[in-house]
């Protein structure tokens, strides 16, 4: 059995502004545009209509986009972070985190907001770039004993383990989340 991700839905105040952000910043193109029973539909993405993409959906009157404070709405992998950040800068978008790098993996990342405040983490994979290799690697484990001091630059856990935030991907572990 094969399962693939089709689309992620983002609620948008202005479909044209959102489509321009994805086109100018990431090279996405319109894969489908139409309407059903008066409801506009806009599907954008980097590939074909049958590959993963985004449904840009109008925000209901009086509604607010789904913005999860401290957590990303999307994590996108790019071949060249600097080129992508250059495209975003030309469109007037600057990262609010990074660019930075993970010393262990070499992953480079930055966080940006789309026009509706959705947090997007943009990642250029480092030393292990083949997704199959990453999937076969064992999950990292902590070698630190309880009560020992954390590595320099790391914060000690202040929440009980049951209240720990989930990781949102590269560069998200130290981003403040909700209280």
Foldseek 3Di string as FASTA:
>chain_A
DDDAAQEDEWEDQDPVQQQCLCCQQPVKDWQDWDDDPPFTWTWIDDDHNRHYTYTYGYAPVVGAIDAFALAAPEEEEDQDPVVSQVSNVVVVWHFPADQDADPPFRKGWTWTAGPRGGIYIYIYTGDDRDPVVVVPDDDDDDPDDPPDDDDPPDDDDPDPPVPDDDARDPPRRPGDGDD
